[in-house]
Protein backbone atom coordinates (compact mmCIF):
# COMPACT_ATOMS: atom_id res chain seq x y z
CA LEU A 1 -0.38 14.88 -2.45
CA GLU A 2 -3.07 15.79 -4.92
CA VAL A 3 -3.26 13.44 -7.89
CA ASP A 4 -2.27 15.13 -11.14
CA LYS A 5 -4.71 14.78 -14.03
CA SER A 6 -1.94 13.24 -16.15
CA LEU A 7 -1.96 10.17 -13.86
CA VAL A 8 -5.69 9.36 -13.81
CA SER A 9 -8.81 10.55 -15.58
CA GLN A 10 -10.58 13.56 -14.10
CA SER A 11 -13.70 11.48 -13.37
CA GLU A 12 -11.64 9.00 -11.29
CA LYS A 13 -9.47 11.56 -9.51
CA ASP A 14 -11.37 11.26 -6.20
CA GLN A 15 -10.63 7.51 -6.09
CA TYR A 16 -6.84 8.02 -5.85
CA PHE A 17 -4.26 9.61 -3.61
CA ILE A 18 -0.47 9.75 -3.43
CA THR A 19 1.50 8.87 -0.33
CA ARG A 20 5.18 8.42 0.43
CA ALA A 21 6.74 5.10 1.44
CA LYS A 22 8.70 4.90 4.66
CA GLY A 23 11.07 2.06 5.48
CA ASP A 24 12.62 -0.78 3.51
CA SER A 25 10.19 -3.64 4.17
CA MET A 26 8.95 -3.70 0.55
CA GLU A 27 12.36 -3.52 -1.17
CA PRO A 28 13.36 -4.17 -3.86
CA PHE A 29 9.98 -3.13 -5.31
CA ILE A 30 9.30 -0.05 -3.17
CA SER A 31 12.05 2.00 -1.54
CA SER A 32 11.83 4.39 1.37
CA GLY A 33 10.88 7.83 0.06
CA ASP A 34 9.16 6.55 -3.10
CA PHE A 35 5.79 8.07 -3.95
CA LEU A 36 2.89 5.63 -4.33
CA LEU A 37 -0.29 6.15 -6.32
CA ILE A 38 -3.03 4.39 -4.31
CA LYS A 39 -6.49 3.56 -5.64
CA VAL A 40 -9.00 3.55 -2.79
CA GLN A 41 -10.74 0.16 -2.82
CA SER A 42 -11.34 -2.72 -0.44
CA GLY A 43 -10.95 -5.57 -2.93
CA PHE A 44 -7.58 -6.74 -4.20
CA ASN A 45 -5.87 -9.51 -6.17
CA PRO A 46 -3.34 -11.89 -4.56
CA GLU A 47 -0.40 -10.27 -6.39
CA ASP A 48 -1.32 -6.69 -5.38
CA ARG A 49 0.64 -4.49 -3.03
CA VAL A 50 -2.00 -3.21 -0.64
CA MET A 51 -2.15 -0.23 1.71
CA VAL A 52 -3.70 -1.21 5.04
CA VAL A 53 -4.06 0.35 8.46
CA HIS A 54 -3.20 -2.26 11.08
CA ASN A 55 -3.72 -1.24 14.71
CA GLY A 56 -3.44 2.42 13.74
CA VAL A 57 -0.27 2.02 11.64
CA PRO A 58 -0.44 2.46 7.85
CA LYS A 59 1.48 -0.26 6.00
CA ILE A 60 2.12 -1.33 2.42
CA LYS A 61 2.14 -5.12 2.26
CA LYS A 62 1.12 -8.13 0.27
CA VAL A 63 -2.06 -9.42 1.92
CA ILE A 64 -2.53 -13.17 1.98
CA LYS A 65 -5.78 -14.82 3.01
CA ASP A 66 -4.99 -18.04 4.84
CA GLY A 67 -8.31 -19.67 5.75
CA ASP A 68 -9.93 -17.31 8.23
CA LYS A 69 -6.64 -15.43 8.83
CA MET A 70 -5.06 -12.48 7.04
CA VAL A 71 -1.28 -12.37 6.75
CA LEU A 72 0.61 -9.15 5.96
CA ARG A 73 3.84 -9.97 4.14
CA SER A 74 6.83 -7.80 3.28
CA PHE A 75 8.85 -8.40 0.12
CA ASN A 76 12.09 -7.81 2.03
CA LYS A 77 12.92 -11.21 3.56
CA ALA A 78 14.51 -9.50 6.59
CA TYR A 79 10.97 -8.84 7.87
CA GLY A 80 8.56 -11.40 9.26
CA ASP A 81 4.86 -11.67 8.60
CA PHE A 82 2.16 -9.91 10.61
CA ILE A 83 -0.85 -12.09 11.42
CA VAL A 84 -4.04 -10.03 11.69
CA GLU A 85 -5.73 -11.20 14.86
CA GLN A 86 -9.50 -11.18 15.30
CA ASP A 87 -9.40 -8.32 17.82
CA ASP A 88 -6.96 -6.19 15.76
CA ASP A 89 -8.08 -2.92 14.23
CA PHE A 90 -7.60 -3.62 10.50
CA ASP A 91 -8.75 -1.81 7.37
CA ILE A 92 -7.81 -2.17 3.71
CA VAL A 93 -7.35 1.33 2.30
CA GLY A 94 -6.45 0.62 -1.30
CA VAL A 95 -4.13 -0.91 -3.86
CA VAL A 96 -0.80 0.48 -5.08
CA GLN A 97 -1.29 1.29 -8.74
CA LYS A 98 2.14 2.74 -9.43
CA ASP A 99 5.26 3.76 -7.59
CA PHE A 100 7.50 6.67 -8.47
CA PRO A 101 11.10 7.25 -7.37
CA LYS A 102 11.51 9.69 -4.48
CA ASN A 103 12.74 12.53 -6.73
CA THR A 104 9.68 12.45 -9.04
CA PHE A 105 7.67 15.11 -7.21
CA SER A 106 8.72 18.20 -5.33
CA VAL A 107 7.11 18.59 -1.93
């Protein structure tokens, strides 16, 4: 979705996009169907919820650096961690800036 000017300044608009969450791995903080405002950036803080593409699959996770390894962690304890292997295709897309309940926008 296009980012509305009420969410970010016009000069920063190209640095953001909105996507929709799918699945329950980040509950209780993000629910399936919620809209997420993502700021495109490669750097992040340890407490951030980060959008990554891991082996072709977009994911919202907490990314933990463990020595030379990257761990992708869900908030929902029913899900295990993903370890990013050296030969995996892995990119950090951006950081979740805000999440909106699924009925916030009409699509």
